[in-house]
Amino acid sequence: MNVNLLDSTDDRPFMAHRLVRAVICGVCLAIGLLLLNRPASALIEIEITRGVDNAIPIAIVPFGWSGSGEPPADIAAIVGADLQRSGNFAPLNRADLVANPVSGDIPLYSNWRLSGADFLLIGGMRRSPDGYVMEFQLFDILQQELMTGFSFQVTDQTIRSAAHQISDEVYEEILGISGAFNTQIAFVSVEGRVGDRTYRLQLADADGQNSQAMLTSPYPILSPAWAPDGVRIAYVSFESRLSSAIYIQDRERGRREKVLAREGINGAPGFSPDGQRLAVALSFEGSLDIYVLDIESGKLTRVTDTRAIDTEPVWIDNDTLVFTSDRSGGPQLYEVSPNGGRATRLTFEGSYNADPTVSPDGSTIAFVHNSGSGFQIAAIDRASGLFQTLTQGTIDESPSFSPNGQMILYATEQDGRGTLGAVSLDGSVVQSLSLDDGSNVREPAWSPYAR
């Protein structure tokens, strides 16, 4: 397989170059970097383009407020937007609410049943010496019972996070699946014309709010990957004339460390489930192969040793890696021990299968697939081998699982601009995400649950 470097003056997300994502910008010039803690102006706009046909009707009443002036936030609106965005819930319009009970009230179940709601969420907020006390109750209208409810202390800085926690609680109580609303996504945004572009490694809440730039650069930033602690992020950055380097950044302390800068390609970092190792793709010994770096000691272990292109390693568990290789003549996925040894081929459908991501429980691998109709996101069940194409685009890439394994975030293109999409594991729910400042978006990575 011939590997062509993508000219740094034209870095559109061409899928043909995904196999060697670490060399996407060719030979880069010296780079200037800014580590930023200030919020960025761009926010992600999220639109549901397809939801489940039998979305669950839920009434979410505006939370009561005990205090002077206006409440600090519309908690019910935040929760309603979360649940609606999941595609599994259909919140009632506020004009259709039959009453406005607040926390502590006993609902008239018969009236709410006539309104068409299966569930009812009520709550309230009041001032406290340390900020606010927020509380809520979730009722099952059909069973006429309280399902869950609790109160907790919040501040102005944690109100939205607390609202997302309520959304997670509602989602889990009703569907039996952990929610992922109180999480974050990392992504790379690109703005400006060819030859004068700005790249930012950004973080945002899962609902697109609180966007914040971690890193700003005039040259590409690639492959952000979360550590399981939800604090560290590894990524590829070009800061020398000749090669890339892999960094780990602590997002809470705003500090970063260069962990790999060998000659040639340094790319595609991925944290092990225990957070102590990085799987990477390096070419300093000749061909592009998979290595494992012990982060604390700096010890490097070579995993693959072939003349093929081996890249994009991702951990299935502490004892198994999945990676992309062209050793069979075209990009396909393989499994291998991080200690090396014989690799086992996983994918056989289509001529192109690359860029894997693994569900949190290790049962499913999503990846970029091409069988002649474009590059789309597909998934394979490891136990059964069941294969399914999930998206219908022509240039979908960079899949990343949500921490509950229910959604897959990915990069795509709309009207010539890089955007993000999200699709449920069964393909029934599809979301479109874009930056409201018109920037191109790429390289998304969904955070794990906070620890």
Protein backbone atom coordinates (compact mmCIF):
# COMPACT_ATOMS: atom_id res chain seq x y z
CA MET A 1 0.00 0.00 0.00
CA ASN A 2 1.42 3.39 -1.00
CA VAL A 3 1.25 6.10 1.63
CA ASN A 4 0.94 9.68 0.41
CA LEU A 5 1.34 12.59 2.79
CA LEU A 6 -1.53 15.04 2.79
CA ASP A 7 -0.33 18.54 1.93
CA SER A 8 -0.55 20.81 4.95
CA THR A 9 -2.12 23.51 2.82
CA ASP A 10 -5.13 21.33 2.05
CA ASP A 11 -6.08 19.32 5.12
CA ARG A 12 -9.65 18.40 4.32
CA PRO A 13 -10.67 15.16 6.00
CA PHE A 14 -9.93 12.82 3.09
CA MET A 15 -10.64 9.32 4.31
CA ALA A 16 -7.97 7.77 2.10
CA HIS A 17 -5.40 9.22 4.49
CA ARG A 18 -7.04 8.08 7.72
CA LEU A 19 -4.84 5.00 7.88
CA VAL A 20 -1.83 7.21 8.56
CA ARG A 21 -3.54 10.02 10.47
CA ALA A 22 -0.31 10.95 12.21
CA VAL A 23 1.19 12.28 8.98
CA ILE A 24 -1.84 14.26 7.87
CA CYS A 25 -0.03 17.57 7.69
CA GLY A 26 3.15 16.43 5.92
CA VAL A 27 6.28 18.26 7.02
CA CYS A 28 5.25 20.99 9.47
CA LEU A 29 7.07 24.21 10.26
CA ALA A 30 7.76 25.45 13.76
CA ILE A 31 4.60 25.89 15.80
CA GLY A 32 3.34 28.32 18.39
CA LEU A 33 1.11 27.03 21.16
CA LEU A 34 -1.18 28.55 23.74
CA LEU A 35 -2.57 26.64 26.69
CA LEU A 36 -5.85 28.33 27.45
CA ASN A 37 -8.27 28.19 30.37
CA ARG A 38 -10.67 30.82 29.06
CA PRO A 39 -13.99 29.72 27.57
CA ALA A 40 -14.16 29.76 23.78
CA SER A 41 -17.02 31.56 22.11
CA ALA A 42 -18.06 28.65 19.92
CA LEU A 43 -20.87 26.39 21.07
CA ILE A 44 -22.02 23.15 19.52
CA GLU A 45 -25.51 23.14 18.06
CA ILE A 46 -27.16 19.72 18.26
CA GLU A 47 -30.09 18.68 16.08
CA ILE A 48 -31.98 15.38 16.20
CA THR A 49 -32.32 14.18 12.61
CA ARG A 50 -33.83 10.81 13.50
CA GLY A 51 -35.32 9.45 16.73
CA VAL A 52 -37.13 6.31 17.80
CA ASP A 53 -40.73 6.05 16.67
CA ASN A 54 -42.02 5.20 20.14
CA ALA A 55 -40.26 7.96 22.09
CA ILE A 56 -41.46 8.01 25.71
CA PRO A 57 -43.73 10.94 26.61
CA ILE A 58 -42.59 12.69 29.77
CA ALA A 59 -43.87 15.83 31.49
CA ILE A 60 -41.09 18.04 32.87
CA VAL A 61 -42.52 20.86 34.97
CA PRO A 62 -40.54 24.10 35.45
CA PHE A 63 -38.74 23.83 38.77
CA GLY A 64 -40.01 25.91 41.65
CA TRP A 65 -37.81 28.75 42.87
CA SER A 66 -37.52 30.03 46.44
CA GLY A 67 -35.53 33.22 46.30
CA SER A 68 -35.56 36.80 45.14
CA GLY A 69 -35.27 37.65 41.48
CA GLU A 70 -35.09 35.15 38.66
CA PRO A 71 -33.81 31.58 39.20
CA PRO A 72 -30.18 31.08 38.18
CA ALA A 73 -31.08 28.52 35.50
CA ASP A 74 -34.06 26.79 33.91
CA ILE A 75 -33.34 23.27 35.14
CA ALA A 76 -36.42 21.76 33.53
CA ALA A 77 -35.36 23.13 30.13
CA ILE A 78 -31.87 21.66 30.46
CA VAL A 79 -33.21 18.25 31.45
CA GLY A 80 -35.86 18.34 28.74
CA ALA A 81 -33.28 19.17 26.08
CA ASP A 82 -31.04 16.33 27.31
CA LEU A 83 -33.79 13.74 27.19
CA GLN A 84 -35.17 14.90 23.85
CA ARG A 85 -31.69 14.93 22.33
CA SER A 86 -31.27 11.27 23.26
CA GLY A 87 -34.05 10.45 20.79
CA ASN A 88 -35.70 8.14 23.34
CA PHE A 89 -37.94 10.71 25.04
CA ALA A 90 -40.61 13.14 23.88
CA PRO A 91 -41.03 15.88 26.53
CA LEU A 92 -44.48 17.51 26.54
CA ASN A 93 -44.70 21.15 25.50
CA ARG A 94 -45.03 23.45 28.47
CA ALA A 95 -48.32 24.74 27.09
CA ASP A 96 -49.68 21.20 27.41
CA LEU A 97 -48.82 20.76 31.09
CA VAL A 98 -51.99 20.26 33.11
CA ALA A 99 -50.51 21.65 36.35
CA ASN A 100 -47.33 23.12 37.81
CA PRO A 101 -46.49 21.05 40.89
CA VAL A 102 -43.13 21.62 42.55
CA SER A 103 -40.90 19.48 44.71
CA GLY A 104 -42.81 17.87 47.56
CA ASP A 105 -46.24 18.02 45.88
CA ILE A 106 -48.28 14.87 45.29
CA PRO A 107 -49.36 14.73 41.64
CA LEU A 108 -52.92 14.00 40.48
CA TYR A 109 -52.04 10.93 38.45
CA SER A 110 -55.35 10.79 36.58
CA ASN A 111 -54.90 14.30 35.15
CA TRP A 112 -51.36 13.60 34.02
CA ARG A 113 -52.44 10.34 32.42
CA LEU A 114 -55.04 12.22 30.38
CA SER A 115 -52.29 14.60 29.22
CA GLY A 116 -50.53 11.66 27.57
CA ALA A 117 -47.50 11.60 29.86
CA ASP A 118 -46.08 8.28 31.03
CA PHE A 119 -43.73 9.95 33.51
CA LEU A 120 -43.60 13.22 35.45
CA LEU A 121 -40.56 15.13 36.68
CA ILE A 122 -40.94 17.96 39.19
CA GLY A 123 -38.39 19.82 41.30
CA GLY A 124 -37.33 22.99 42.99
CA MET A 125 -34.42 25.19 43.99
CA ARG A 126 -33.78 27.42 46.96
CA ARG A 127 -30.90 29.54 48.13
CA SER A 128 -28.57 28.24 50.82
CA PRO A 129 -25.50 29.65 52.58
CA ASP A 130 -23.26 27.73 50.18
CA GLY A 131 -25.20 28.38 46.98
CA TYR A 132 -28.40 26.50 46.25
CA VAL A 133 -30.23 23.34 47.19
CA MET A 134 -31.71 21.51 44.20
CA GLU A 135 -34.20 18.67 44.50
CA PHE A 136 -36.39 16.63 42.22
CA GLN A 137 -38.87 13.74 42.10
CA LEU A 138 -39.63 11.40 39.21
CA PHE A 139 -43.08 9.76 39.11
CA ASP A 140 -44.41 6.85 37.10
CA ILE A 141 -47.85 8.03 36.00
CA LEU A 142 -49.10 4.63 34.85
CA GLN A 143 -48.02 2.85 38.04
CA GLN A 144 -48.91 5.89 40.17
CA GLU A 145 -45.73 5.81 42.22
CA LEU A 146 -42.60 7.75 43.05
CA MET A 147 -39.63 6.24 41.24
CA THR A 148 -36.75 8.29 42.60
CA GLY A 149 -35.81 11.68 43.96
CA PHE A 150 -33.14 13.39 46.01
CA SER A 151 -31.66 16.78 46.84
CA PHE A 152 -28.12 18.09 46.62
CA GLN A 153 -26.05 21.20 47.10
CA VAL A 154 -24.97 23.16 44.01
CA THR A 155 -23.21 26.40 43.16
CA ASP A 156 -23.49 28.76 40.20
CA GLN A 157 -20.61 26.83 38.60
CA THR A 158 -22.19 23.37 39.07
CA ILE A 159 -25.85 24.05 38.26
CA ARG A 160 -25.70 22.73 34.70
CA SER A 161 -23.75 19.68 35.80
CA ALA A 162 -26.39 18.99 38.45
CA ALA A 163 -29.14 19.30 35.84
CA HIS A 164 -27.31 16.76 33.66
CA GLN A 165 -27.08 14.46 36.69
CA ILE A 166 -30.87 14.63 36.98
CA SER A 167 -31.13 13.74 33.29
CA ASP A 168 -28.83 10.76 33.87
CA GLU A 169 -30.95 9.62 36.80
CA VAL A 170 -34.19 9.86 34.80
CA TYR A 171 -32.65 8.06 31.84
CA GLU A 172 -31.40 5.20 34.01
CA GLU A 173 -34.56 4.85 36.08
CA ILE A 174 -36.78 4.59 33.01
CA LEU A 175 -34.55 2.77 30.52
CA GLY A 176 -32.33 0.80 32.88
CA ILE A 177 -29.21 2.20 31.19
CA SER A 178 -26.74 4.69 32.66
CA GLY A 179 -27.09 8.15 31.14
CA ALA A 180 -24.19 10.06 29.58
CA PHE A 181 -25.46 13.64 29.76
CA ASN A 182 -23.03 14.74 32.49
CA THR A 183 -19.96 13.99 30.38
CA GLN A 184 -17.76 15.89 27.95
CA ILE A 185 -16.49 15.61 24.42
CA ALA A 186 -13.09 16.63 23.08
CA PHE A 187 -12.70 17.68 19.46
CA VAL A 188 -10.51 19.67 17.12
CA SER A 189 -11.91 22.80 15.47
CA VAL A 190 -10.36 24.43 12.42
CA GLU A 191 -10.98 27.97 11.22
CA GLY A 192 -9.40 30.30 8.68
CA ARG A 193 -8.25 30.04 5.09
CA VAL A 194 -5.64 27.75 3.61
CA GLY A 195 -2.23 28.93 4.77
CA ASP A 196 -3.67 30.88 7.70
CA ARG A 197 -5.57 28.38 9.79
CA THR A 198 -6.06 28.05 13.51
CA TYR A 199 -6.51 24.65 15.14
CA ARG A 200 -7.96 24.27 18.61
CA LEU A 201 -8.26 21.26 20.86
CA GLN A 202 -11.55 21.96 22.58
CA LEU A 203 -13.67 20.51 25.34
CA ALA A 204 -17.41 20.91 25.68
CA ASP A 205 -20.17 19.42 27.75
CA ALA A 206 -22.13 16.66 26.04
CA ASP A 207 -24.90 19.17 25.29
CA GLY A 208 -22.46 21.48 23.48
CA GLN A 209 -22.25 24.11 26.23
CA ASN A 210 -19.20 25.39 28.14
CA SER A 211 -16.87 25.04 25.19
CA GLN A 212 -13.27 25.65 26.24
CA ALA A 213 -10.01 25.65 24.27
CA MET A 214 -7.21 23.57 25.79
CA LEU A 215 -4.69 24.16 23.03
CA THR A 216 -4.40 26.55 20.08
CA SER A 217 -2.01 26.04 17.19
CA PRO A 218 -1.41 27.19 13.59
CA TYR A 219 -0.86 23.55 12.60
CA PRO A 220 -2.94 20.39 12.93
CA ILE A 221 -3.75 18.74 16.24
CA LEU A 222 -4.70 15.09 15.91
CA SER A 223 -6.10 12.05 17.68
CA PRO A 224 -7.28 13.29 21.10
CA ALA A 225 -7.80 10.33 23.44
CA TRP A 226 -9.14 10.37 27.00
CA ALA A 227 -7.55 8.57 29.92
CA PRO A 228 -10.00 6.47 31.96
CA ASP A 229 -9.70 9.00 34.81
CA GLY A 230 -11.44 11.61 32.62
CA VAL A 231 -8.72 14.14 33.49
CA ARG A 232 -5.82 13.42 31.13
CA ILE A 233 -5.99 13.68 27.36
CA ALA A 234 -3.34 12.40 24.96
CA TYR A 235 -3.00 13.91 21.49
CA VAL A 236 -0.62 14.40 18.58
CA SER A 237 0.86 17.84 17.94
CA PHE A 238 3.47 19.11 15.47
CA GLU A 239 6.01 21.34 17.19
CA SER A 240 9.20 20.71 15.23
CA ARG A 241 10.23 20.86 11.62
CA LEU A 242 10.61 17.13 11.11
CA SER A 243 8.14 15.11 13.13
CA SER A 244 5.11 14.91 15.32
CA ALA A 245 5.07 14.32 19.06
CA ILE A 246 2.60 12.78 21.48
CA TYR A 247 1.60 14.78 24.54
CA ILE A 248 -0.47 14.05 27.62
CA GLN A 249 -2.27 17.03 29.09
CA ASP A 250 -3.89 17.29 32.50
CA ARG A 251 -7.01 19.32 31.79
CA GLU A 252 -7.56 20.27 35.44
CA ARG A 253 -4.04 21.57 36.07
CA GLY A 254 -3.47 22.91 32.58
CA ARG A 255 -0.13 21.10 32.40
CA ARG A 256 1.16 18.85 29.65
CA GLU A 257 4.03 16.49 29.09
CA LYS A 258 5.71 15.32 25.91
CA VAL A 259 5.81 11.53 26.19
CA LEU A 260 6.96 10.46 22.71
CA ALA A 261 8.90 12.24 19.99
CA ARG A 262 10.80 9.57 18.07
CA GLU A 263 12.04 10.08 14.55
CA GLY A 264 9.31 9.69 11.94
CA ILE A 265 5.65 9.16 12.77
CA ASN A 266 4.40 9.43 16.34
CA GLY A 267 0.67 8.91 16.20
CA ALA A 268 -2.69 7.48 17.28
CA PRO A 269 -2.30 7.35 21.10
CA GLY A 270 -4.77 5.30 23.12
CA PHE A 271 -4.88 4.83 26.91
CA SER A 272 -5.10 1.37 28.41
CA PRO A 273 -8.12 0.70 30.67
CA ASP A 274 -5.88 0.94 33.74
CA GLY A 275 -4.56 4.33 32.54
CA GLN A 276 -0.93 3.29 32.96
CA ARG A 277 0.00 2.65 29.33
CA LEU A 278 -0.39 4.18 25.90
CA ALA A 279 -0.73 2.17 22.70
CA VAL A 280 0.77 4.17 19.82
CA ALA A 281 1.82 3.90 16.18
CA LEU A 282 5.52 4.65 15.56
CA SER A 283 7.81 4.40 12.54
CA PHE A 284 11.27 5.11 14.02
CA GLU A 285 12.38 1.50 13.45
CA GLY A 286 11.34 1.49 9.79
CA SER A 287 7.77 0.43 9.09
CA LEU A 288 4.78 1.87 10.93
CA ASP A 289 4.07 -0.50 13.81
CA ILE A 290 2.19 -0.73 17.09
CA TYR A 291 4.02 -0.08 20.37
CA VAL A 292 3.01 0.15 24.01
CA LEU A 293 4.48 2.86 26.22
CA ASP A 294 4.60 2.50 30.00
CA ILE A 295 3.83 6.10 30.92
CA GLU A 296 5.61 6.20 34.28
CA SER A 297 8.83 4.40 33.31
CA GLY A 298 8.96 5.41 29.65
CA LYS A 299 9.58 1.79 28.64
CA LEU A 300 8.53 1.10 25.05
CA THR A 301 7.43 -2.38 23.91
CA ARG A 302 7.09 -3.25 20.24
CA VAL A 303 3.84 -5.14 19.59
CA THR A 304 3.86 -5.68 15.81
CA ASP A 305 6.84 -6.16 13.53
CA THR A 306 5.87 -6.46 9.88
CA ARG A 307 6.45 -4.62 6.62
CA ALA A 308 2.78 -3.64 6.60
CA ILE A 309 1.28 -0.40 7.90
CA ASP A 310 -0.02 -1.09 11.41
CA THR A 311 -1.73 1.85 13.11
CA GLU A 312 -4.71 3.16 15.13
CA PRO A 313 -4.38 0.86 18.19
CA VAL A 314 -7.25 0.81 20.69
CA TRP A 315 -7.52 -1.23 23.86
CA ILE A 316 -10.34 -3.78 24.15
CA ASP A 317 -9.16 -4.65 27.66
CA ASN A 318 -5.82 -4.62 29.45
CA ASP A 319 -4.79 -7.77 27.58
CA THR A 320 -6.07 -7.09 24.05
CA LEU A 321 -5.57 -4.44 21.36
CA VAL A 322 -7.48 -3.89 18.13
CA PHE A 323 -5.68 -2.05 15.34
CA THR A 324 -5.74 -1.26 11.63
CA SER A 325 -3.37 -2.98 9.22
CA ASP A 326 -3.02 -3.33 5.46
CA ARG A 327 -1.18 -6.67 5.78
CA SER A 328 -3.97 -8.42 3.83
CA GLY A 329 -3.76 -5.94 0.96
CA GLY A 330 -6.15 -3.31 2.27
CA PRO A 331 -7.07 -1.75 5.63
CA GLN A 332 -8.68 -4.29 7.98
CA LEU A 333 -8.99 -4.69 11.75
CA TYR A 334 -6.94 -7.13 13.80
CA GLU A 335 -6.66 -8.16 17.44
CA VAL A 336 -3.35 -8.73 19.20
CA SER A 337 -1.92 -8.99 22.71
CA PRO A 338 -0.11 -5.85 23.92
CA ASN A 339 2.84 -8.17 24.56
CA GLY A 340 3.01 -9.03 20.86
CA GLY A 341 2.44 -12.32 19.10
CA ARG A 342 0.17 -13.43 16.30
CA ALA A 343 -2.61 -11.02 15.27
CA THR A 344 -6.12 -12.26 14.45
CA ARG A 345 -8.14 -10.64 11.68
CA LEU A 346 -11.58 -9.34 12.74
CA THR A 347 -13.18 -7.75 9.67
CA PHE A 348 -13.91 -9.24 6.27
CA GLU A 349 -16.85 -7.19 4.97
CA GLY A 350 -15.84 -4.59 2.37
CA SER A 351 -12.47 -3.43 1.13
CA TYR A 352 -11.81 -0.85 3.87
CA ASN A 353 -12.24 -1.20 7.64
CA ALA A 354 -10.20 1.15 9.82
CA ASP A 355 -10.14 3.63 12.72
CA PRO A 356 -11.63 1.38 15.44
CA THR A 357 -13.26 2.37 18.72
CA VAL A 358 -14.37 -0.08 21.39
CA SER A 359 -17.52 0.04 23.52
CA PRO A 360 -16.87 0.44 27.26
CA ASP A 361 -17.81 -3.19 27.95
CA GLY A 362 -15.57 -4.46 25.13
CA SER A 363 -18.41 -6.25 23.36
CA THR A 364 -18.65 -4.07 20.24
CA ILE A 365 -16.15 -2.46 17.90
CA ALA A 366 -17.22 0.48 15.73
CA PHE A 367 -15.07 1.59 12.82
CA VAL A 368 -14.96 3.28 9.42
CA HIS A 369 -16.21 0.98 6.67
CA ASN A 370 -16.26 1.22 2.88
CA SER A 371 -17.81 -1.35 0.58
CA GLY A 372 -18.14 0.93 -2.45
CA SER A 373 -20.75 3.46 -1.33
CA GLY A 374 -18.53 5.77 0.68
CA PHE A 375 -16.96 5.83 4.13
CA GLN A 376 -19.53 5.06 6.80
CA ILE A 377 -19.59 4.07 10.47
CA ALA A 378 -20.16 0.36 11.03
CA ALA A 379 -20.07 -1.93 14.07
CA ILE A 380 -19.32 -5.56 14.73
CA ASP A 381 -20.34 -7.65 17.73
CA ARG A 382 -17.24 -9.51 18.90
CA ALA A 383 -19.10 -12.52 20.27
CA SER A 384 -21.39 -13.22 17.33
CA GLY A 385 -19.51 -11.50 14.51
CA LEU A 386 -22.72 -9.68 13.56
CA PHE A 387 -21.89 -6.74 11.27
CA GLN A 388 -24.03 -3.62 10.79
CA THR A 389 -23.57 -0.35 8.89
CA LEU A 390 -24.94 2.48 11.05
CA THR A 391 -24.58 5.69 9.02
CA GLN A 392 -25.42 6.68 5.47
CA GLY A 393 -22.81 9.35 4.78
CA THR A 394 -19.95 9.19 2.33
CA ILE A 395 -17.15 10.67 4.44
CA ASP A 396 -17.83 9.59 8.05
CA GLU A 397 -14.77 9.02 10.26
CA SER A 398 -13.25 9.09 13.77
CA PRO A 399 -15.92 7.14 15.70
CA SER A 400 -15.96 7.36 19.50
CA PHE A 401 -18.30 5.55 21.91
CA SER A 402 -20.27 7.31 24.62
CA PRO A 403 -19.35 6.02 28.11
CA ASN A 404 -22.65 4.11 28.35
CA GLY A 405 -22.04 2.44 24.99
CA GLN A 406 -25.35 3.62 23.55
CA MET A 407 -24.17 6.29 21.08
CA ILE A 408 -21.24 6.68 18.71
CA LEU A 409 -19.87 10.16 18.02
CA TYR A 410 -18.12 10.65 14.68
CA ALA A 411 -16.81 13.27 12.27
CA THR A 412 -18.58 13.87 8.97
CA GLU A 413 -19.11 16.57 6.38
CA GLN A 414 -22.13 18.70 5.48
CA ASP A 415 -22.18 21.28 2.69
CA GLY A 416 -18.41 21.12 2.42
CA ARG A 417 -17.84 21.78 6.13
CA GLY A 418 -16.56 19.40 8.75
CA THR A 419 -19.21 18.66 11.40
CA LEU A 420 -19.96 15.95 13.94
CA GLY A 421 -22.66 13.34 14.00
CA ALA A 422 -23.86 10.83 16.57
CA VAL A 423 -25.70 7.58 15.96
CA SER A 424 -27.17 5.05 18.37
CA LEU A 425 -25.74 1.56 18.47
CA ASP A 426 -28.83 0.20 16.69
CA GLY A 427 -28.88 3.05 14.15
CA SER A 428 -32.31 4.28 15.26
CA VAL A 429 -31.21 7.68 16.62
CA VAL A 430 -29.10 10.14 14.62
CA GLN A 431 -27.85 13.56 15.74
CA SER A 432 -26.08 16.34 13.86
CA LEU A 433 -23.63 18.58 15.73
CA SER A 434 -21.93 21.72 14.40
CA LEU A 435 -20.11 24.77 15.78
CA ASP A 436 -22.19 27.92 15.62
CA ASP A 437 -19.17 29.98 14.51
CA GLY A 438 -18.87 28.07 11.24
CA SER A 439 -15.60 26.31 12.10
CA ASN A 440 -14.79 22.88 10.77
CA VAL A 441 -14.96 20.17 13.42
CA ARG A 442 -13.12 16.86 13.44
CA GLU A 443 -11.41 14.22 15.62
CA PRO A 444 -14.12 13.85 18.30
CA ALA A 445 -13.56 11.84 21.48
CA TRP A 446 -16.27 11.21 24.09
CA SER A 447 -15.09 11.30 27.69
CA PRO A 448 -15.45 8.44 30.16
CA TYR A 449 -17.54 8.90 33.29
CA ALA A 450 -15.88 11.16 35.85
CA ARG A 451 -14.22 9.31 38.68
